[in-house]
Protein backbone atom coordinates (compact mmCIF):
# COMPACT_ATOMS: atom_id res chain seq x y z
CA UNK A 1 168.26 -118.97 -29.44
CA UNK A 2 170.16 -121.56 -27.36
CA UNK A 3 167.96 -124.05 -25.71
CA UNK A 4 167.76 -124.74 -22.05
CA UNK A 5 169.69 -128.29 -22.68
CA UNK A 6 172.36 -126.66 -24.54
CA UNK A 7 172.68 -124.05 -22.18
CA UNK A 8 173.15 -126.60 -19.50
CA UNK A 9 175.72 -128.14 -21.09
CA UNK A 10 177.78 -125.09 -21.71
CA UNK A 11 177.74 -124.29 -18.22
CA UNK A 12 178.76 -127.56 -17.13
CA UNK A 13 176.04 -127.98 -14.61
CA UNK A 14 176.86 -125.35 -12.07
CA UNK A 15 174.12 -125.28 -9.25
CA UNK A 16 172.89 -121.44 -9.43
CA UNK A 17 172.64 -118.95 -12.24
CA UNK A 18 175.53 -116.92 -10.86
CA UNK A 19 177.79 -119.82 -10.90
CA UNK A 20 176.89 -120.54 -14.24
CA UNK A 21 177.77 -116.80 -15.40
CA UNK A 22 181.15 -117.63 -13.60
CA UNK A 23 181.52 -120.48 -15.89
CA UNK A 24 180.66 -118.38 -18.85
CA UNK A 25 183.58 -115.90 -18.02
CA UNK A 26 186.05 -118.84 -17.70
CA UNK A 27 184.83 -120.21 -20.98
CA UNK A 28 184.35 -116.98 -23.24
CA UNK A 29 186.90 -114.74 -21.90
CA UNK A 30 185.76 -111.98 -24.16
CA UNK A 31 182.73 -111.38 -22.00
CA UNK A 32 185.18 -111.17 -18.77
CA UNK A 33 187.26 -108.97 -20.70
CA UNK A 34 184.56 -106.64 -21.84
CA UNK A 35 183.31 -106.16 -18.15
CA UNK A 36 186.98 -105.90 -16.78
CA UNK A 37 187.67 -103.35 -19.37
CA UNK A 38 184.36 -101.51 -18.85
CA UNK A 39 185.24 -101.17 -15.26
CA UNK A 40 188.82 -99.65 -15.90
CA UNK A 41 187.84 -97.22 -18.24
CA UNK A 42 185.02 -96.15 -15.98
CA UNK A 43 187.27 -95.68 -13.14
CA UNK A 44 189.61 -93.94 -15.17
CA UNK A 45 186.76 -91.59 -16.32
CA UNK A 46 185.90 -91.02 -12.68
CA UNK A 47 189.43 -89.84 -11.80
CA UNK A 48 189.37 -87.69 -14.90
CA UNK A 49 186.23 -85.77 -13.90
CA UNK A 50 187.56 -85.57 -10.31
CA UNK A 51 190.61 -83.38 -11.97
CA UNK A 52 188.54 -81.42 -14.12
CA UNK A 53 185.72 -80.47 -11.51
CA UNK A 54 188.83 -79.33 -9.28
CA UNK A 55 189.92 -77.17 -11.84
CA UNK A 56 186.52 -75.55 -12.30
CA UNK A 57 186.42 -75.01 -8.59
CA UNK A 58 189.88 -73.34 -8.66
CA UNK A 59 188.22 -70.83 -11.41
CA UNK A 60 185.25 -70.25 -9.34
CA UNK A 61 187.35 -69.25 -5.95
CA UNK A 62 189.40 -66.72 -8.54
CA UNK A 63 185.93 -65.33 -10.08
CA UNK A 64 184.35 -65.07 -6.36
CA UNK A 65 187.50 -62.97 -5.35
CA UNK A 66 186.85 -60.70 -8.33
CA UNK A 67 183.41 -60.11 -7.89
CA UNK A 68 183.93 -59.16 -4.23
CA UNK A 69 186.66 -56.98 -5.38
CA UNK A 70 184.41 -55.29 -7.92
CA UNK A 71 181.32 -54.86 -5.69
CA UNK A 72 183.82 -53.20 -3.17
CA UNK A 73 184.80 -50.56 -5.89
CA UNK A 74 180.95 -50.31 -6.63
CA UNK A 75 181.39 -51.87 -10.16
CA UNK A 76 178.23 -53.61 -10.62
CA UNK A 77 178.25 -54.15 -14.09
CA UNK A 78 182.09 -56.03 -13.68
CA UNK A 79 180.57 -57.86 -10.74
CA UNK A 80 177.77 -59.07 -12.59
CA UNK A 81 180.22 -60.24 -15.55
CA UNK A 82 182.10 -62.40 -13.07
CA UNK A 83 178.88 -63.49 -11.22
CA UNK A 84 177.45 -64.74 -14.40
CA UNK A 85 180.56 -66.87 -15.40
CA UNK A 86 180.56 -68.38 -11.91
CA UNK A 87 176.85 -69.24 -12.73
CA UNK A 88 178.03 -71.22 -15.79
CA UNK A 89 180.91 -72.64 -14.00
CA UNK A 90 178.52 -74.20 -11.46
CA UNK A 91 176.00 -75.34 -13.95
CA UNK A 92 178.72 -77.37 -15.74
CA UNK A 93 180.12 -78.55 -12.16
CA UNK A 94 176.61 -79.60 -11.27
CA UNK A 95 176.38 -81.85 -14.63
CA UNK A 96 179.91 -83.12 -14.20
CA UNK A 97 179.21 -84.02 -10.33
CA UNK A 98 176.23 -86.10 -11.42
CA UNK A 99 178.21 -88.01 -13.99
CA UNK A 100 180.80 -88.64 -11.39
CA UNK A 101 178.57 -89.70 -8.64
CA UNK A 102 176.56 -91.98 -11.16
CA UNK A 103 179.54 -93.45 -12.86
CA UNK A 104 181.01 -94.43 -9.30
CA UNK A 105 177.76 -96.40 -8.73
CA UNK A 106 178.30 -97.92 -12.01
CA UNK A 107 181.76 -99.14 -11.15
CA UNK A 108 180.55 -100.76 -7.93
CA UNK A 109 177.70 -102.52 -9.84
CA UNK A 110 180.40 -103.71 -12.47
CA UNK A 111 182.48 -105.03 -9.66
CA UNK A 112 179.64 -107.09 -8.31
CA UNK A 113 178.85 -108.44 -11.85
CA UNK A 114 182.32 -109.59 -12.44
CA UNK A 115 182.64 -111.15 -8.75
CA UNK A 116 178.59 -112.75 -8.94
CA UNK A 117 178.15 -113.22 -12.49
CA UNK A 118 174.70 -111.91 -12.42
CA UNK A 119 174.75 -110.02 -15.81
CA UNK A 120 171.22 -109.56 -16.51
CA UNK A 121 170.02 -108.22 -13.07
CA UNK A 122 173.49 -106.34 -12.78
CA UNK A 123 174.18 -104.83 -16.22
CA UNK A 124 170.59 -103.84 -17.48
CA UNK A 125 170.25 -100.60 -15.10
CA UNK A 126 173.98 -99.79 -15.95
CA UNK A 127 173.39 -99.53 -19.55
CA UNK A 128 170.64 -97.11 -19.22
CA UNK A 129 172.61 -94.95 -16.88
CA UNK A 130 175.27 -94.75 -19.19
CA UNK A 131 173.25 -93.82 -21.94
CA UNK A 132 171.84 -91.01 -20.02
CA UNK A 133 175.21 -89.53 -19.04
CA UNK A 134 176.36 -89.60 -22.25
CA UNK A 135 173.86 -86.97 -23.28
CA UNK A 136 174.44 -85.06 -19.91
CA UNK A 137 178.41 -84.59 -20.35
CA UNK A 138 178.05 -84.52 -24.59
CA UNK A 139 178.53 -80.54 -24.40
CA UNK A 140 180.93 -80.33 -22.06
CA UNK A 141 183.33 -83.35 -22.33
CA UNK A 142 182.23 -84.84 -25.88
CA UNK A 143 185.47 -86.80 -26.01
CA UNK A 144 184.18 -88.61 -22.75
CA UNK A 145 180.96 -89.02 -24.07
CA UNK A 146 182.20 -90.92 -27.02
CA UNK A 147 184.21 -93.11 -24.50
CA UNK A 148 180.96 -93.86 -22.82
CA UNK A 149 179.27 -94.77 -25.91
CA UNK A 150 181.85 -97.48 -26.74
CA UNK A 151 181.61 -98.73 -23.16
CA UNK A 152 177.83 -98.89 -23.43
CA UNK A 153 177.91 -100.68 -26.85
CA UNK A 154 180.39 -103.33 -25.21
CA UNK A 155 177.83 -103.87 -22.00
CA UNK A 156 174.68 -103.87 -24.15
CA UNK A 157 176.33 -106.95 -26.38
CA UNK A 158 177.20 -108.54 -23.00
CA UNK A 159 173.47 -108.27 -21.94
CA UNK A 160 172.01 -109.34 -25.04
CA UNK A 161 174.45 -112.34 -25.27
CA UNK A 162 173.63 -113.31 -21.68
CA UNK A 163 169.63 -113.07 -22.45
CA UNK A 164 170.25 -115.41 -25.40
CA UNK A 165 172.26 -117.79 -23.41
CA UNK A 166 169.60 -118.09 -20.54
CA UNK A 167 166.48 -117.62 -22.90
CA UNK A 168 165.54 -114.39 -21.07
CA UNK A 169 165.36 -111.37 -23.47
CA UNK A 170 166.81 -108.25 -22.50
CA UNK A 171 163.73 -105.99 -22.81
CA UNK A 172 164.03 -102.26 -22.65
CA UNK A 173 167.32 -101.65 -21.34
CA UNK A 174 167.33 -98.07 -21.38
CA UNK A 175 164.07 -97.25 -19.26
CA UNK A 176 164.44 -99.58 -16.08
CA UNK A 177 163.11 -98.25 -12.78
CA UNK A 178 166.27 -99.07 -11.31
CA UNK A 179 168.45 -96.91 -13.72
CA UNK A 180 166.22 -93.99 -13.06
CA UNK A 181 166.64 -94.49 -9.49
CA UNK A 182 170.67 -94.58 -9.68
CA UNK A 183 170.57 -91.28 -11.62
CA UNK A 184 168.17 -89.84 -8.80
CA UNK A 185 170.41 -90.59 -6.21
CA UNK A 186 173.38 -89.20 -7.96
CA UNK A 187 171.51 -85.90 -8.46
CA UNK A 188 170.73 -85.81 -4.59
CA UNK A 189 174.65 -86.76 -3.83
CA UNK A 190 175.76 -84.23 -6.17
CA UNK A 191 173.85 -81.61 -4.83
CA UNK A 192 175.00 -82.22 -1.49
CA UNK A 193 178.83 -82.17 -2.81
CA UNK A 194 178.11 -78.66 -4.39
CA UNK A 195 176.94 -77.38 -0.95
CA UNK A 196 180.06 -78.60 0.58
CA UNK A 197 182.55 -77.36 -2.08
CA UNK A 198 180.84 -74.22 -3.49
CA UNK A 199 179.55 -71.62 -1.00
CA UNK A 200 176.46 -69.89 -1.69
CA UNK A 201 177.15 -66.55 -3.41
CA UNK A 202 176.09 -63.50 -1.35
CA UNK A 203 172.86 -61.88 -2.12
CA UNK A 204 175.08 -58.82 -3.34
CA UNK A 205 176.25 -60.57 -5.93
CA UNK A 206 173.26 -62.58 -7.17
CA UNK A 207 171.61 -58.90 -7.33
CA UNK A 208 174.49 -57.34 -9.00
CA UNK A 209 174.20 -60.22 -11.68
CA UNK A 210 170.54 -59.82 -11.93
CA UNK A 211 170.13 -55.80 -12.43
CA UNK A 212 173.24 -55.90 -14.80
CA UNK A 213 171.57 -58.71 -17.03
CA UNK A 214 167.75 -57.48 -16.61
CA UNK A 215 166.31 -55.69 -20.39
CA UNK A 216 166.98 -52.00 -20.03
CA UNK A 217 163.41 -50.09 -20.03
CA UNK A 218 162.86 -47.02 -22.23
CA UNK A 219 162.15 -43.86 -21.06
CA UNK A 220 158.31 -42.44 -21.60
């Protein structure tokens, strides 16, 4: 582990921890480069998620119209089939939206870290959030889950390096209260976006779906 005297020499006497981190970015370009690249990748993912969510929203609207049409014709079985597909789409959209909102917050935090240099406080919760998001999105967009894994690994290395330089162990970077708070807030925002963009299904539609998928009962 690097001693504090060695650390001070490396930082050239900056008066604050934040300024010392800024100096580290200047002297150790790979660290700043990792953060900048992670920020770029995260923002690109947010944009891709927006495109994918909009495609699912269009599919949702089409199916909604088909459900209404089927109910108008008295075809409850067909209406239920479409309604069930709508339910699956909305489940995916909810997970994608949680991921999108959380990544938006991650990008903002990365911007702050790059500007202020507070690696330990800024990045530790971010690494935990990214790990959780990998699991959420793995079954929907596995390629993005892999990209998040690479970003997570790079940021984890930065946190560990910074902790060693400061003589501050990173500890458990996956279960911080702040990481959980970011995810909970993302879920709240995601639910609000869902309500705004995906109108609630009429009770006739949900009833048709429940009726068609209910287990059949045999006659006595």
